[in-house]
Amino acid sequence: MNNRKIVFFDSKPYDIASFERTKHDNITYKFLESKLTSDTVSLAKGADAVCAFVNDRIDKDVIEGLHDLGINLILMRCAGYNNVDIHHSFKRVHVMNVPAYSPYSVAEHAMALLLTLNRKTHKAYARVRDNNFSINGLTGMDLYGKTIGVVGTGKIGQIFMNICKGFGMDVVAYDKYPKKDLDIEYVGLDELYKRSHIISLHCPLSTETHHMINAVSIEVMKDNVIIINTSRGGLIDTAALLEGLKNKKLGGAALDVYEEEMNYFFEDFSEEIISDDILSRLLTFPNVLITSHQAFLTQEALASIAETTIKNFRDFFGDEKLPNEICYHCKDHDGKCARDETGRCF
């Protein structure tokens, strides 16, 4: 393969370090702090591909801009691609993702959130740092024997369920496409809501799952239920979540994602006022724990993301099949799938 160039948008120090460790002599990297938007797409001029992340806004205008620059490959260094206009990219720009990296990283972070929120270890740490050794207000509950509802039983969901079983929890699960070989009790979504003391979301964001946690579903849930979300922010109607917390229907929420996170997550706003009223209000609740989309952030996951992303790039320019290409257009007008025949969507 001749020398090629990748421009990375929304680059952070950990991105740069992990990709530098996968450096190839015939691939040049250019790292930019800017997010990929219609205002910054011109910065990709001269590249063979762009590499983007979850908060880049890859809409119709960006895709047209890339196409005009002669760039026909978008490398998503993540599994999610709901920020990409997949419909408009078809027959213009190929989109490839990293469907799996370290599912353990996300599953373990979900359990870390649950343990922290439940036993209030973050508050205990802050108290002791101030020489306050009181344990008033730090009461949690035993997880043993509690029912946890897991929505989504892919690799991450399966690992999370195994962790929960290790705590002696009763696990029920919902998935639109249940796995037949899992020793898991599958139930309907309403039954999961009604039975669960804790609900953890591990499903992708789609038109079907958007705001699946809403005022109606919250009303069905047990009183004092805890909601954990390490998947996508749009799964939860945050206004409804806020109302459920205010009226004490919900016992707490631990969120690694937020539906309007693009404006804040991954950046330092410690010297500024948060103008997002819902996010600001959530941060005031003592039973809400928010982390800044860090569930993926382990050494193993970063290494896997970098390796798969570069393999995607090399496969594309090496005229190989593209198993990680994202395509909504499974069948063309004559009923044939191009990827079945050529290994590529177009």
Protein backbone atom coordinates (compact mmCIF):
# COMPACT_ATOMS: atom_id res chain seq x y z
CA MET A 1 0.00 0.00 0.00
CA ASN A 2 1.33 3.42 -0.98
CA ASN A 3 1.72 6.10 1.67
CA ARG A 4 -1.69 7.14 2.94
CA LYS A 5 -2.94 9.78 5.36
CA ILE A 6 -5.59 9.70 8.10
CA VAL A 7 -6.87 12.88 9.74
CA PHE A 8 -8.18 12.30 13.26
CA PHE A 9 -10.85 14.65 14.61
CA ASP A 10 -11.68 15.29 18.29
CA SER A 11 -8.31 13.82 19.27
CA LYS A 12 -7.42 13.42 22.92
CA PRO A 13 -4.04 12.51 24.45
CA TYR A 14 -5.13 8.90 25.03
CA ASP A 15 -6.21 8.62 21.37
CA ILE A 16 -2.87 9.91 20.15
CA ALA A 17 -0.89 7.59 22.42
CA SER A 18 -2.85 4.48 21.44
CA PHE A 19 -2.71 5.15 17.70
CA GLU A 20 0.96 6.11 17.78
CA ARG A 21 1.63 2.63 19.16
CA THR A 22 0.03 1.18 16.02
CA LYS A 23 2.02 3.39 13.66
CA HIS A 24 2.79 1.96 10.20
CA ASP A 25 5.55 3.27 7.96
CA ASN A 26 3.16 3.80 5.05
CA ILE A 27 0.42 5.59 7.02
CA THR A 28 0.66 9.21 8.16
CA TYR A 29 -1.46 10.42 11.07
CA LYS A 30 -2.66 13.98 11.61
CA PHE A 31 -4.38 14.63 14.94
CA LEU A 32 -6.78 17.55 15.35
CA GLU A 33 -8.50 18.72 18.53
CA SER A 34 -11.44 20.06 16.54
CA LYS A 35 -14.61 18.02 16.20
CA LEU A 36 -15.66 17.03 12.70
CA THR A 37 -18.47 19.35 11.62
CA SER A 38 -19.44 21.24 8.47
CA ASP A 39 -17.22 24.09 9.69
CA THR A 40 -14.12 21.91 10.11
CA VAL A 41 -14.46 19.33 7.33
CA SER A 42 -12.11 21.37 5.12
CA LEU A 43 -9.28 20.53 7.56
CA ALA A 44 -9.34 17.01 6.13
CA LYS A 45 -8.06 18.21 2.75
CA GLY A 46 -5.33 15.93 1.45
CA ALA A 47 -6.38 12.97 3.58
CA ASP A 48 -7.36 9.52 2.36
CA ALA A 49 -9.68 8.97 5.32
CA VAL A 50 -10.97 10.71 8.41
CA CYS A 51 -11.22 9.12 11.84
CA ALA A 52 -14.08 10.31 14.03
CA PHE A 53 -15.62 9.69 17.44
CA VAL A 54 -19.05 9.74 19.08
CA ASN A 55 -19.44 13.52 19.37
CA ASP A 56 -18.41 14.43 15.85
CA ARG A 57 -21.42 15.64 13.85
CA ILE A 58 -21.26 13.73 10.57
CA ASP A 59 -24.36 15.02 8.84
CA LYS A 60 -25.28 15.48 5.20
CA ASP A 61 -23.11 18.59 4.82
CA VAL A 62 -20.04 16.87 6.26
CA ILE A 63 -20.51 13.85 4.00
CA GLU A 64 -20.85 16.10 0.97
CA GLY A 65 -17.77 18.01 2.08
CA LEU A 66 -15.72 14.82 2.38
CA HIS A 67 -17.01 13.60 -0.97
CA ASP A 68 -16.01 16.89 -2.61
CA LEU A 69 -12.51 16.52 -1.11
CA GLY A 70 -12.21 13.07 -2.66
CA ILE A 71 -12.35 11.35 0.72
CA ASN A 72 -14.53 8.25 0.62
CA LEU A 73 -13.79 6.60 3.96
CA ILE A 74 -14.92 7.47 7.49
CA LEU A 75 -13.33 5.44 10.26
CA MET A 76 -15.38 5.50 13.47
CA ARG A 77 -13.10 4.66 16.40
CA CYS A 78 -16.08 3.39 18.38
CA ALA A 79 -18.99 0.99 18.00
CA GLY A 80 -21.77 3.60 17.83
CA TYR A 81 -22.55 5.54 14.68
CA ASN A 82 -25.87 7.25 15.47
CA ASN A 83 -24.09 10.59 14.86
CA VAL A 84 -23.52 9.62 11.20
CA ASP A 85 -26.08 10.21 8.45
CA ILE A 86 -25.78 6.65 7.16
CA HIS A 87 -28.56 7.14 4.61
CA HIS A 88 -26.75 10.03 2.95
CA SER A 89 -23.37 8.32 3.05
CA PHE A 90 -24.57 5.44 0.85
CA LYS A 91 -22.73 5.44 -2.49
CA ARG A 92 -20.77 8.52 -1.38
CA VAL A 93 -18.59 7.64 1.61
CA HIS A 94 -17.91 4.25 3.19
CA VAL A 95 -18.35 4.16 6.97
CA MET A 96 -16.53 1.58 9.11
CA ASN A 97 -16.67 1.11 12.87
CA VAL A 98 -15.14 -0.93 15.68
CA PRO A 99 -18.02 -3.26 16.58
CA ALA A 100 -16.19 -4.80 19.54
CA TYR A 101 -13.12 -3.78 21.50
CA SER A 102 -13.12 -4.66 25.19
CA PRO A 103 -16.69 -5.41 26.26
CA TYR A 104 -15.27 -6.01 29.75
CA SER A 105 -14.36 -2.33 30.05
CA VAL A 106 -17.95 -1.12 29.65
CA ALA A 107 -19.52 -3.94 31.69
CA GLU A 108 -17.07 -3.39 34.56
CA HIS A 109 -17.70 0.36 34.51
CA ALA A 110 -21.44 -0.24 34.71
CA MET A 111 -20.89 -2.30 37.86
CA ALA A 112 -18.51 0.35 39.22
CA LEU A 113 -21.25 2.96 38.76
CA LEU A 114 -23.79 0.77 40.52
CA LEU A 115 -21.50 0.01 43.45
CA THR A 116 -20.48 3.64 43.82
CA LEU A 117 -24.00 5.01 43.65
CA ASN A 118 -25.38 2.37 45.99
CA ARG A 119 -22.67 2.44 48.67
CA LYS A 120 -21.82 6.15 48.18
CA THR A 121 -18.08 5.52 48.15
CA HIS A 122 -17.51 8.75 46.21
CA LYS A 123 -19.11 10.72 49.05
CA ALA A 124 -17.22 8.76 51.70
CA TYR A 125 -13.94 9.51 49.92
CA ALA A 126 -14.70 13.24 49.77
CA ARG A 127 -15.67 13.30 53.47
CA VAL A 128 -12.57 11.54 54.71
CA ARG A 129 -10.37 13.85 52.64
CA ASP A 130 -11.85 16.66 54.74
CA ASN A 131 -11.23 14.72 57.98
CA ASN A 132 -14.96 14.02 58.27
CA PHE A 133 -15.34 10.41 59.42
CA SER A 134 -19.12 10.42 59.87
CA ILE A 135 -21.01 7.68 58.06
CA ASN A 136 -24.43 9.30 58.39
CA GLY A 137 -26.28 9.31 55.07
CA LEU A 138 -24.07 6.64 53.49
CA THR A 139 -26.47 3.72 53.89
CA GLY A 140 -26.83 1.50 50.84
CA MET A 141 -28.52 -1.82 50.17
CA ASP A 142 -27.31 -5.38 49.66
CA LEU A 143 -27.14 -6.26 45.99
CA TYR A 144 -27.41 -9.94 46.89
CA GLY A 145 -30.87 -11.23 46.11
CA LYS A 146 -31.96 -8.10 44.26
CA THR A 147 -33.40 -8.36 40.75
CA ILE A 148 -31.50 -6.57 38.01
CA GLY A 149 -33.03 -6.07 34.60
CA VAL A 150 -30.58 -5.98 31.71
CA VAL A 151 -31.78 -4.45 28.44
CA GLY A 152 -29.63 -5.75 25.60
CA THR A 153 -27.80 -9.07 25.75
CA GLY A 154 -24.94 -8.57 23.34
CA LYS A 155 -21.35 -9.11 24.46
CA ILE A 156 -21.36 -6.25 26.97
CA GLY A 157 -24.75 -7.20 28.36
CA GLN A 158 -23.72 -10.82 28.73
CA ILE A 159 -20.53 -9.93 30.62
CA PHE A 160 -22.45 -7.53 32.85
CA MET A 161 -25.00 -10.25 33.65
CA ASN A 162 -22.21 -12.63 34.63
CA ILE A 163 -20.79 -9.99 36.97
CA CYS A 164 -24.23 -9.53 38.53
CA LYS A 165 -24.60 -13.26 39.02
CA GLY A 166 -21.29 -13.18 40.88
CA PHE A 167 -22.92 -10.79 43.35
CA GLY A 168 -25.78 -13.22 43.85
CA MET A 169 -28.29 -11.07 42.02
CA ASP A 170 -31.34 -12.40 40.19
CA VAL A 171 -31.00 -11.46 36.51
CA VAL A 172 -33.82 -10.93 34.04
CA ALA A 173 -33.20 -9.70 30.52
CA TYR A 174 -34.87 -8.22 27.48
CA ASP A 175 -33.60 -8.30 23.93
CA LYS A 176 -35.51 -7.96 20.68
CA TYR A 177 -33.51 -10.93 19.44
CA PRO A 178 -33.02 -13.27 22.45
CA LYS A 179 -29.96 -15.53 22.47
CA LYS A 180 -31.05 -19.16 22.63
CA ASP A 181 -27.86 -20.48 24.24
CA LEU A 182 -27.84 -18.16 27.28
CA ASP A 183 -28.85 -19.36 30.73
CA ILE A 184 -30.93 -16.23 31.25
CA GLU A 185 -34.58 -15.54 31.96
CA TYR A 186 -35.88 -13.42 29.12
CA VAL A 187 -39.00 -11.37 29.85
CA GLY A 188 -41.00 -8.67 28.13
CA LEU A 189 -39.91 -5.09 28.60
CA ASP A 190 -42.86 -4.15 30.82
CA GLU A 191 -42.28 -7.19 33.03
CA LEU A 192 -38.61 -6.27 33.32
CA TYR A 193 -39.58 -2.76 34.40
CA LYS A 194 -42.04 -4.08 36.99
CA ARG A 195 -39.73 -6.69 38.53
CA SER A 196 -36.36 -4.96 38.62
CA HIS A 197 -34.79 -3.17 41.56
CA ILE A 198 -32.04 -2.03 39.17
CA ILE A 199 -32.17 -1.56 35.38
CA SER A 200 -29.03 -1.43 33.24
CA LEU A 201 -29.09 -0.43 29.57
CA HIS A 202 -26.79 -2.19 27.09
CA CYS A 203 -28.59 -1.77 23.77
CA PRO A 204 -27.84 0.40 20.73
CA LEU A 205 -29.64 3.66 20.02
CA SER A 206 -32.15 3.47 17.16
CA THR A 207 -35.50 4.97 16.29
CA GLU A 208 -37.06 2.03 18.14
CA THR A 209 -35.03 2.42 21.34
CA HIS A 210 -34.92 6.23 21.43
CA HIS A 211 -36.36 7.40 24.79
CA MET A 212 -37.30 3.85 25.77
CA ILE A 213 -36.94 5.10 29.34
CA ASN A 214 -39.67 7.74 29.49
CA ALA A 215 -42.49 8.96 31.73
CA VAL A 216 -44.69 5.98 30.85
CA SER A 217 -42.03 3.32 31.42
CA ILE A 218 -40.85 4.98 34.65
CA GLU A 219 -44.39 4.86 35.99
CA VAL A 220 -44.43 1.09 35.44
CA MET A 221 -41.19 0.57 37.38
CA LYS A 222 -40.76 -0.34 41.03
CA ASP A 223 -40.48 2.54 43.46
CA ASN A 224 -36.84 3.46 44.21
CA VAL A 225 -35.50 1.66 41.13
CA ILE A 226 -31.93 2.53 40.12
CA ILE A 227 -31.19 3.13 36.42
CA ILE A 228 -27.73 2.57 34.96
CA ASN A 229 -26.83 3.72 31.43
CA THR A 230 -23.45 3.07 29.83
CA SER A 231 -24.82 2.72 26.30
CA ARG A 232 -26.25 5.83 24.59
CA GLY A 233 -27.76 8.91 26.17
CA GLY A 234 -30.74 9.00 23.81
CA LEU A 235 -32.13 5.81 25.33
CA ILE A 236 -33.41 7.95 28.20
CA ASP A 237 -35.79 10.89 28.06
CA THR A 238 -33.74 12.99 30.44
CA ALA A 239 -36.60 15.35 31.28
CA ALA A 240 -38.69 12.34 32.36
CA LEU A 241 -35.74 10.98 34.32
CA LEU A 242 -35.40 14.32 36.10
CA GLU A 243 -39.10 14.32 36.98
CA GLY A 244 -38.86 10.75 38.29
CA LEU A 245 -36.00 11.77 40.54
CA LYS A 246 -37.80 14.90 41.74
CA ASN A 247 -40.96 13.01 42.74
CA LYS A 248 -38.84 10.24 44.31
CA LYS A 249 -40.22 7.51 42.09
CA LEU A 250 -36.62 6.71 41.11
CA GLY A 251 -34.07 5.77 43.73
CA GLY A 252 -31.13 6.99 41.68
CA ALA A 253 -29.41 7.12 38.31
CA ALA A 254 -25.85 6.42 37.23
CA LEU A 255 -25.07 7.73 33.77
CA ASP A 256 -21.93 7.47 31.68
CA VAL A 257 -23.81 8.97 28.73
CA TYR A 258 -26.22 11.86 28.29
CA GLU A 259 -28.42 12.67 25.31
CA GLU A 260 -27.00 16.19 24.93
CA GLU A 261 -23.44 15.24 25.86
CA MET A 262 -21.93 16.50 22.60
CA ASN A 263 -21.72 20.03 24.04
CA TYR A 264 -19.87 19.03 27.22
CA PHE A 265 -18.46 15.53 27.54
CA PHE A 266 -14.71 15.01 27.06
CA GLU A 267 -14.02 18.71 27.67
CA ASP A 268 -13.06 20.83 30.72
CA PHE A 269 -15.76 23.32 31.75
CA SER A 270 -14.63 23.65 35.36
CA GLU A 271 -14.26 27.43 35.03
CA GLU A 272 -17.54 27.96 33.20
CA ILE A 273 -21.25 27.88 33.95
CA ILE A 274 -23.15 24.94 32.49
CA SER A 275 -25.97 26.40 30.37
CA ASP A 276 -27.74 23.06 29.92
CA ASP A 277 -30.46 23.38 32.58
CA ILE A 278 -31.28 19.66 32.72
CA LEU A 279 -27.65 18.60 33.07
CA SER A 280 -27.09 21.29 35.70
CA ARG A 281 -30.11 20.08 37.64
CA LEU A 282 -29.04 16.43 37.44
CA LEU A 283 -25.67 17.35 38.92
CA THR A 284 -27.40 18.73 42.01
CA PHE A 285 -29.12 15.46 42.94
CA PRO A 286 -27.36 13.46 45.66
CA ASN A 287 -28.58 10.20 44.12
CA VAL A 288 -27.25 10.88 40.63
CA LEU A 289 -23.78 9.84 39.51
CA ILE A 290 -22.47 11.04 36.14
CA THR A 291 -19.22 10.11 34.44
CA SER A 292 -18.11 11.61 31.15
CA HIS A 293 -18.47 8.70 28.69
CA GLN A 294 -15.43 6.94 30.10
CA ALA A 295 -16.73 3.36 30.26
CA PHE A 296 -14.57 2.37 27.28
CA LEU A 297 -11.43 3.93 28.73
CA THR A 298 -9.06 1.06 29.54
CA GLN A 299 -5.66 0.31 28.11
CA GLU A 300 -6.96 -2.89 26.55
CA ALA A 301 -9.94 -1.20 24.92
CA LEU A 302 -7.87 1.67 23.51
CA ALA A 303 -5.37 -0.79 22.03
CA SER A 304 -8.13 -2.85 20.44
CA ILE A 305 -9.84 0.25 19.03
CA ALA A 306 -6.63 1.47 17.43
CA GLU A 307 -5.73 -1.92 15.98
CA THR A 308 -9.19 -2.53 14.51
CA THR A 309 -9.44 1.00 13.11
CA ILE A 310 -6.12 0.67 11.30
CA LYS A 311 -7.06 -2.80 10.06
CA ASN A 312 -10.27 -1.30 8.66
CA PHE A 313 -8.18 1.32 6.88
CA ARG A 314 -5.74 -1.22 5.46
CA ASP A 315 -8.57 -3.54 4.37
CA PHE A 316 -10.24 -0.68 2.51
CA PHE A 317 -7.16 0.40 0.58
CA GLY A 318 -5.97 -3.18 0.17
CA ASP A 319 -9.15 -4.03 -1.74
CA GLU A 320 -10.16 -6.54 0.92
CA LYS A 321 -13.67 -7.35 2.08
CA LEU A 322 -15.03 -4.93 4.68
CA PRO A 323 -16.73 -6.88 7.49
CA ASN A 324 -16.91 -3.75 9.66
CA GLU A 325 -18.59 -1.53 7.08
CA ILE A 326 -21.85 0.07 8.22
CA CYS A 327 -24.66 -0.08 5.71
CA TYR A 328 -28.39 0.39 6.16
CA HIS A 329 -29.08 -0.39 2.51
CA CYS A 330 -28.97 -4.18 2.71
CA LYS A 331 -30.71 -4.81 -0.60
CA ASP A 332 -30.66 -2.76 -3.77
CA HIS A 333 -33.59 -2.46 -6.13
CA ASP A 334 -33.08 -5.83 -7.78
CA GLY A 335 -32.98 -7.64 -4.44
CA LYS A 336 -29.26 -8.28 -4.35
CA CYS A 337 -26.80 -7.37 -1.61
CA ALA A 338 -23.59 -5.91 -2.98
CA ARG A 339 -21.63 -6.92 0.11
CA ASP A 340 -22.61 -10.56 -0.37
CA GLU A 341 -21.02 -10.44 -3.80
CA THR A 342 -18.11 -8.02 -3.41
CA GLY A 343 -17.55 -7.69 0.33
CA ARG A 344 -18.46 -4.00 0.14
CA CYS A 345 -21.73 -2.12 0.28
CA PHE A 346 -21.00 -0.26 -2.95
